[in-house]
């Protein structure tokens, strides 16, 4: 496995030391370095892996489904490079590459066109037959 995208969750929650996670994720730029830190003393999940921006502010956690695996790789000393990929609703995405590889951001999907909503909905016209 060379690289993959990971979901970072928990953006709506505040950080203990101040600084809003969602705000920090919103100012992260695609390609910006991200640090993943295991939290073995986390009272909710001993396998938790927190994600921090280049400014040292926590943006959230690796999902529980991947946290134990990623945390184990970090504890084993497996080399990984992590960059910010993007933000969607309540989830941030990071790109991870292993064993000295550099993560490459996948191509951006074009935004779906937004239909203009004028608020005008004409009444149907019926024939008088």
N, C-alpha and C. Protein backbone atom coordinates (compact mmCIF):
# COMPACT_ATOMS: atom_id res chain seq x y z
N UNK A 1 0.84 -1.17 0.00
CA UNK A 1 0.00 0.00 0.00
C UNK A 1 0.89 1.24 0.00
N UNK A 2 0.66 2.10 -0.94
CA UNK A 2 1.50 3.29 -1.06
C UNK A 2 0.87 4.52 -0.44
N UNK A 3 -0.43 4.77 -0.70
CA UNK A 3 -1.08 5.92 -0.09
C UNK A 3 -2.59 5.75 -0.06
N UNK A 4 -3.23 6.53 0.82
CA UNK A 4 -4.67 6.47 0.96
C UNK A 4 -5.19 7.76 1.56
N UNK A 5 -6.49 7.96 1.46
CA UNK A 5 -7.15 9.11 2.08
C UNK A 5 -7.81 8.64 3.36
N UNK A 6 -7.71 9.47 4.41
CA UNK A 6 -8.33 9.17 5.69
C UNK A 6 -9.28 10.28 6.08
N UNK A 7 -10.42 9.90 6.64
CA UNK A 7 -11.38 10.88 7.15
C UNK A 7 -10.94 11.31 8.54
N UNK A 8 -11.06 12.61 8.80
CA UNK A 8 -10.80 13.18 10.11
C UNK A 8 -12.13 13.72 10.63
N UNK A 9 -12.58 13.20 11.76
CA UNK A 9 -13.90 13.55 12.29
C UNK A 9 -13.75 14.33 13.60
N UNK A 10 -14.88 14.84 14.09
CA UNK A 10 -14.88 15.57 15.35
C UNK A 10 -14.67 17.07 15.18
N UNK A 11 -14.83 17.59 13.97
CA UNK A 11 -14.62 19.00 13.72
C UNK A 11 -15.55 19.92 14.51
N UNK A 12 -16.80 19.54 14.77
CA UNK A 12 -17.69 20.46 15.50
C UNK A 12 -17.31 20.66 16.97
N UNK A 13 -16.46 19.80 17.54
CA UNK A 13 -16.14 19.88 18.96
C UNK A 13 -15.00 20.87 19.22
N UNK A 14 -15.04 21.56 20.36
CA UNK A 14 -13.96 22.51 20.69
C UNK A 14 -12.72 21.78 21.19
N UNK A 15 -11.59 22.44 21.07
CA UNK A 15 -10.34 21.93 21.65
C UNK A 15 -10.25 22.35 23.10
N UNK A 16 -9.55 21.57 23.91
CA UNK A 16 -9.41 21.90 25.33
C UNK A 16 -8.65 23.21 25.53
N UNK A 17 -7.66 23.46 24.72
CA UNK A 17 -6.82 24.65 24.88
C UNK A 17 -7.29 25.82 24.02
N UNK A 18 -8.53 25.79 23.61
CA UNK A 18 -9.05 26.87 22.76
C UNK A 18 -8.78 26.58 21.30
N UNK A 19 -9.29 27.42 20.46
CA UNK A 19 -9.12 27.20 19.03
C UNK A 19 -10.15 26.22 18.52
N UNK A 20 -10.95 26.65 17.59
CA UNK A 20 -12.00 25.80 17.05
C UNK A 20 -11.45 24.87 15.98
N UNK A 21 -11.80 23.61 16.06
CA UNK A 21 -11.31 22.62 15.08
C UNK A 21 -11.81 22.94 13.68
N UNK A 22 -13.09 23.25 13.55
CA UNK A 22 -13.64 23.54 12.22
C UNK A 22 -12.94 24.73 11.60
N UNK A 23 -12.74 25.80 12.37
CA UNK A 23 -12.06 26.98 11.84
C UNK A 23 -10.66 26.62 11.37
N UNK A 24 -9.95 25.85 12.17
CA UNK A 24 -8.59 25.47 11.79
C UNK A 24 -8.59 24.63 10.52
N UNK A 25 -9.54 23.71 10.40
CA UNK A 25 -9.64 22.90 9.19
C UNK A 25 -9.97 23.76 7.97
N UNK A 26 -10.78 24.81 8.18
CA UNK A 26 -11.14 25.69 7.07
C UNK A 26 -9.97 26.50 6.55
N UNK A 27 -8.99 26.79 7.41
CA UNK A 27 -7.84 27.57 6.94
C UNK A 27 -6.69 26.69 6.46
N UNK A 28 -6.82 25.37 6.63
CA UNK A 28 -5.81 24.46 6.08
C UNK A 28 -5.90 24.47 4.55
N UNK A 29 -4.77 24.47 3.92
CA UNK A 29 -4.71 24.46 2.46
C UNK A 29 -4.36 23.05 1.98
N UNK A 30 -4.94 22.61 0.86
CA UNK A 30 -4.57 21.31 0.32
C UNK A 30 -3.05 21.23 0.11
N UNK A 31 -2.47 20.14 0.59
CA UNK A 31 -1.03 19.94 0.49
C UNK A 31 -0.27 20.34 1.73
N UNK A 32 -0.93 21.00 2.68
CA UNK A 32 -0.30 21.44 3.92
C UNK A 32 -0.01 20.23 4.80
N UNK A 33 1.16 20.17 5.47
CA UNK A 33 1.48 19.02 6.33
C UNK A 33 0.51 18.89 7.50
N UNK A 34 0.21 17.66 7.85
CA UNK A 34 -0.64 17.32 9.00
C UNK A 34 0.12 16.32 9.85
N UNK A 35 0.00 16.45 11.16
CA UNK A 35 0.66 15.51 12.07
C UNK A 35 -0.40 14.63 12.72
N UNK A 36 -0.16 13.32 12.72
CA UNK A 36 -1.04 12.37 13.39
C UNK A 36 -0.37 11.92 14.68
N UNK A 37 -1.08 12.06 15.81
CA UNK A 37 -0.52 11.72 17.13
C UNK A 37 -1.43 10.72 17.85
N UNK A 38 -0.91 9.54 18.19
CA UNK A 38 -1.71 8.60 18.99
C UNK A 38 -1.98 9.19 20.37
N UNK A 39 -3.15 8.88 20.94
CA UNK A 39 -3.51 9.33 22.29
C UNK A 39 -3.87 8.12 23.14
N UNK A 40 -2.87 7.36 23.61
CA UNK A 40 -3.18 6.14 24.38
C UNK A 40 -3.88 6.43 25.71
N UNK A 41 -3.80 7.66 26.21
CA UNK A 41 -4.46 8.00 27.48
C UNK A 41 -5.83 8.65 27.27
N UNK A 42 -6.34 8.63 26.05
CA UNK A 42 -7.65 9.20 25.75
C UNK A 42 -8.71 8.39 26.51
N UNK A 43 -9.52 9.07 27.34
CA UNK A 43 -10.49 8.36 28.19
C UNK A 43 -11.64 7.73 27.40
N UNK A 44 -11.88 8.19 26.17
CA UNK A 44 -12.97 7.64 25.37
C UNK A 44 -12.53 6.49 24.47
N UNK A 45 -11.27 6.52 24.04
CA UNK A 45 -10.78 5.51 23.11
C UNK A 45 -9.26 5.45 23.20
N UNK A 46 -8.74 4.37 23.74
CA UNK A 46 -7.28 4.27 23.91
C UNK A 46 -6.54 4.15 22.59
N UNK A 47 -7.27 3.89 21.49
CA UNK A 47 -6.65 3.79 20.17
C UNK A 47 -6.75 5.10 19.39
N UNK A 48 -7.29 6.14 20.00
CA UNK A 48 -7.52 7.41 19.31
C UNK A 48 -6.22 7.97 18.71
N UNK A 49 -6.37 8.54 17.51
CA UNK A 49 -5.25 9.21 16.83
C UNK A 49 -5.74 10.60 16.44
N UNK A 50 -5.12 11.63 17.03
CA UNK A 50 -5.52 13.01 16.76
C UNK A 50 -4.76 13.54 15.55
N UNK A 51 -5.40 14.49 14.84
CA UNK A 51 -4.78 15.13 13.68
C UNK A 51 -4.56 16.61 14.01
N UNK A 52 -3.33 17.09 13.75
CA UNK A 52 -2.95 18.46 14.04
C UNK A 52 -2.48 19.17 12.78
N UNK A 53 -2.86 20.44 12.67
CA UNK A 53 -2.43 21.25 11.52
C UNK A 53 -0.97 21.63 11.68
N UNK A 54 -0.44 22.25 10.64
CA UNK A 54 0.94 22.73 10.66
C UNK A 54 1.14 23.81 11.74
N UNK A 55 0.04 24.44 12.19
CA UNK A 55 0.10 25.46 13.23
C UNK A 55 -0.01 24.84 14.63
N UNK A 56 -0.10 23.52 14.72
CA UNK A 56 -0.17 22.83 16.01
C UNK A 56 -1.54 22.83 16.65
N UNK A 57 -2.58 23.11 15.87
CA UNK A 57 -3.95 23.12 16.38
C UNK A 57 -4.65 21.84 15.94
N UNK A 58 -5.31 21.18 16.88
CA UNK A 58 -6.01 19.93 16.55
C UNK A 58 -7.21 20.23 15.67
N UNK A 59 -7.36 19.41 14.60
CA UNK A 59 -8.53 19.55 13.73
C UNK A 59 -9.52 18.41 13.93
N UNK A 60 -9.13 17.35 14.62
CA UNK A 60 -10.04 16.24 14.86
C UNK A 60 -9.30 14.94 15.10
N UNK A 61 -9.99 13.83 14.78
CA UNK A 61 -9.46 12.49 15.01
C UNK A 61 -9.63 11.61 13.78
N UNK A 62 -8.71 10.70 13.60
CA UNK A 62 -8.87 9.64 12.60
C UNK A 62 -10.09 8.82 13.04
N UNK A 63 -10.91 8.38 12.09
CA UNK A 63 -12.10 7.60 12.44
C UNK A 63 -11.71 6.36 13.25
N UNK A 64 -12.63 5.92 14.10
CA UNK A 64 -12.38 4.76 14.96
C UNK A 64 -12.04 3.52 14.15
N UNK A 65 -12.61 3.40 12.95
CA UNK A 65 -12.35 2.22 12.10
C UNK A 65 -10.90 2.13 11.66
N UNK A 66 -10.23 3.25 11.50
CA UNK A 66 -8.84 3.27 11.03
C UNK A 66 -7.83 3.62 12.11
N UNK A 67 -8.30 4.15 13.25
CA UNK A 67 -7.39 4.65 14.28
C UNK A 67 -6.45 3.58 14.84
N UNK A 68 -6.95 2.41 15.14
CA UNK A 68 -6.10 1.37 15.72
C UNK A 68 -5.01 0.96 14.73
N UNK A 69 -5.37 0.83 13.48
CA UNK A 69 -4.40 0.44 12.44
C UNK A 69 -3.34 1.53 12.25
N UNK A 70 -3.78 2.79 12.10
CA UNK A 70 -2.84 3.90 11.89
C UNK A 70 -1.97 4.09 13.13
N UNK A 71 -2.60 4.05 14.32
CA UNK A 71 -1.84 4.19 15.57
C UNK A 71 -0.79 3.10 15.71
N UNK A 72 -1.14 1.88 15.33
CA UNK A 72 -0.17 0.78 15.39
C UNK A 72 1.00 1.01 14.46
N UNK A 73 0.73 1.55 13.28
CA UNK A 73 1.81 1.84 12.33
C UNK A 73 2.73 2.94 12.88
N UNK A 74 2.14 3.93 13.53
CA UNK A 74 2.95 5.00 14.12
C UNK A 74 3.82 4.44 15.24
N UNK A 75 3.25 3.62 16.12
CA UNK A 75 4.00 3.04 17.24
C UNK A 75 5.12 2.10 16.76
N UNK A 76 4.91 1.45 15.63
CA UNK A 76 5.93 0.57 15.06
C UNK A 76 7.05 1.34 14.37
N UNK A 77 6.85 2.67 14.23
CA UNK A 77 7.86 3.50 13.59
C UNK A 77 7.78 3.50 12.08
N UNK A 78 6.66 3.07 11.55
CA UNK A 78 6.50 3.08 10.09
C UNK A 78 6.49 4.51 9.59
N UNK A 79 7.31 4.78 8.60
CA UNK A 79 7.42 6.13 8.05
C UNK A 79 6.16 6.47 7.26
N UNK A 80 5.57 7.63 7.59
CA UNK A 80 4.40 8.09 6.84
C UNK A 80 4.44 9.60 6.71
N UNK A 81 3.95 10.04 5.57
CA UNK A 81 3.85 11.46 5.28
C UNK A 81 2.37 11.78 5.12
N UNK A 82 1.91 12.85 5.79
CA UNK A 82 0.48 13.18 5.80
C UNK A 82 0.29 14.63 5.38
N UNK A 83 -0.66 14.85 4.45
CA UNK A 83 -0.99 16.21 4.02
C UNK A 83 -2.50 16.41 4.05
N UNK A 84 -2.90 17.67 4.18
CA UNK A 84 -4.31 18.01 4.16
C UNK A 84 -4.84 17.86 2.74
N UNK A 85 -6.00 17.23 2.61
CA UNK A 85 -6.58 17.00 1.28
C UNK A 85 -7.76 17.92 1.02
N UNK A 86 -8.68 18.05 1.99
CA UNK A 86 -9.84 18.89 1.76
C UNK A 86 -10.84 18.78 2.89
N UNK A 87 -11.96 19.48 2.73
CA UNK A 87 -12.97 19.57 3.76
C UNK A 87 -14.35 19.39 3.12
N UNK A 88 -15.18 18.53 3.73
CA UNK A 88 -16.56 18.36 3.29
C UNK A 88 -17.45 18.29 4.53
N UNK A 89 -18.43 19.16 4.62
CA UNK A 89 -19.37 19.20 5.74
C UNK A 89 -18.65 19.08 7.08
N UNK A 90 -18.82 17.97 7.80
CA UNK A 90 -18.21 17.79 9.12
C UNK A 90 -17.00 16.87 9.09
N UNK A 91 -16.39 16.71 7.93
CA UNK A 91 -15.25 15.81 7.79
C UNK A 91 -14.12 16.49 7.06
N UNK A 92 -12.93 16.38 7.62
CA UNK A 92 -11.72 16.81 6.91
C UNK A 92 -11.10 15.54 6.33
N UNK A 93 -10.35 15.70 5.25
CA UNK A 93 -9.70 14.55 4.63
C UNK A 93 -8.21 14.82 4.54
N UNK A 94 -7.42 13.79 4.88
CA UNK A 94 -5.97 13.87 4.75
C UNK A 94 -5.50 12.76 3.83
N UNK A 95 -4.37 12.98 3.20
CA UNK A 95 -3.77 11.99 2.31
C UNK A 95 -2.51 11.49 2.99
N UNK A 96 -2.36 10.17 3.06
CA UNK A 96 -1.24 9.55 3.75
C UNK A 96 -0.45 8.68 2.78
N UNK A 97 0.88 8.84 2.79
CA UNK A 97 1.76 7.97 2.00
C UNK A 97 2.73 7.29 2.96
N UNK A 98 3.15 6.11 2.61
CA UNK A 98 3.99 5.29 3.49
C UNK A 98 5.37 5.04 2.89
N UNK A 99 6.30 4.68 3.79
CA UNK A 99 7.64 4.20 3.41
C UNK A 99 8.41 5.18 2.53
N UNK A 100 8.41 6.45 2.90
CA UNK A 100 9.20 7.43 2.18
C UNK A 100 8.54 8.02 0.95
N UNK A 101 7.36 7.55 0.61
CA UNK A 101 6.65 8.12 -0.54
C UNK A 101 6.01 9.43 -0.15
N UNK A 102 5.79 10.28 -1.14
CA UNK A 102 5.15 11.57 -0.94
C UNK A 102 3.70 11.45 -1.39
N UNK A 103 2.74 11.85 -0.54
CA UNK A 103 1.34 11.74 -0.95
C UNK A 103 1.01 12.70 -2.09
N UNK A 104 0.20 12.23 -2.99
CA UNK A 104 -0.23 13.04 -4.14
C UNK A 104 -1.73 13.25 -4.00
N UNK A 105 -2.15 14.50 -4.08
CA UNK A 105 -3.58 14.80 -3.96
C UNK A 105 -4.32 14.29 -5.20
N UNK A 106 -5.46 13.64 -5.00
CA UNK A 106 -6.24 13.19 -6.16
C UNK A 106 -6.83 14.41 -6.87
N UNK A 107 -7.18 14.28 -8.14
CA UNK A 107 -7.78 15.41 -8.85
C UNK A 107 -9.07 15.86 -8.16
N UNK A 108 -9.27 17.17 -8.12
CA UNK A 108 -10.48 17.72 -7.51
C UNK A 108 -11.67 17.47 -8.42
N UNK A 109 -12.78 17.09 -7.83
CA UNK A 109 -14.02 16.93 -8.59
C UNK A 109 -14.62 18.31 -8.82
N UNK A 110 -15.15 18.54 -9.99
CA UNK A 110 -15.79 19.85 -10.20
C UNK A 110 -17.03 19.97 -9.32
N UNK A 111 -17.25 21.18 -8.84
CA UNK A 111 -18.41 21.43 -7.98
C UNK A 111 -19.69 21.26 -8.80
N UNK A 112 -20.70 20.71 -8.16
CA UNK A 112 -21.99 20.54 -8.82
C UNK A 112 -22.59 21.91 -9.10
N UNK A 113 -23.17 22.09 -10.27
CA UNK A 113 -23.77 23.39 -10.56
C UNK A 113 -24.93 23.68 -9.61
N UNK A 114 -25.01 24.91 -9.19
CA UNK A 114 -26.06 25.33 -8.28
C UNK A 114 -27.16 25.99 -9.08
N UNK A 115 -28.37 25.46 -8.91
CA UNK A 115 -29.50 26.05 -9.60
C UNK A 115 -29.90 27.34 -8.90
N UNK A 116 -30.13 28.36 -9.69
CA UNK A 116 -30.54 29.63 -9.12
C UNK A 116 -31.98 29.52 -8.64
N UNK A 117 -32.20 29.88 -7.40
CA UNK A 117 -33.54 29.84 -6.82
C UNK A 117 -34.05 31.27 -6.73
N UNK A 118 -35.02 31.61 -7.57
CA UNK A 118 -35.56 32.97 -7.59
C UNK A 118 -36.71 33.14 -6.63
N UNK A 119 -37.31 32.03 -6.22
CA UNK A 119 -38.47 32.12 -5.35
C UNK A 119 -39.78 32.33 -6.12
N UNK A 120 -39.69 32.40 -7.44
CA UNK A 120 -40.88 32.60 -8.28
C UNK A 120 -41.30 31.26 -8.86
N UNK A 121 -42.50 30.85 -8.53
CA UNK A 121 -43.03 29.60 -9.05
C UNK A 121 -44.39 29.91 -9.69
N UNK A 122 -44.47 30.01 -11.01
CA UNK A 122 -45.73 30.41 -11.65
C UNK A 122 -46.80 29.33 -11.48
N UNK A 123 -48.06 29.80 -11.41
CA UNK A 123 -49.17 28.87 -11.34
C UNK A 123 -49.36 28.22 -12.70
N UNK A 124 -49.79 26.98 -12.71
CA UNK A 124 -50.02 26.33 -14.00
C UNK A 124 -51.20 27.01 -14.74
N UNK A 125 -51.13 27.02 -16.06
CA UNK A 125 -52.19 27.58 -16.87
C UNK A 125 -52.96 26.42 -17.49
N UNK A 126 -54.28 26.39 -17.23
CA UNK A 126 -55.12 25.31 -17.74
C UNK A 126 -55.98 25.82 -18.89
N UNK A 127 -56.27 24.93 -19.83
CA UNK A 127 -57.20 25.28 -20.91
C UNK A 127 -58.61 25.40 -20.35
N UNK A 128 -59.42 26.30 -20.94
CA UNK A 128 -60.80 26.50 -20.49
C UNK A 128 -61.79 25.55 -21.16
N UNK A 129 -61.35 24.50 -21.75
CA UNK A 129 -62.25 23.58 -22.47
C UNK A 129 -63.25 22.94 -21.60
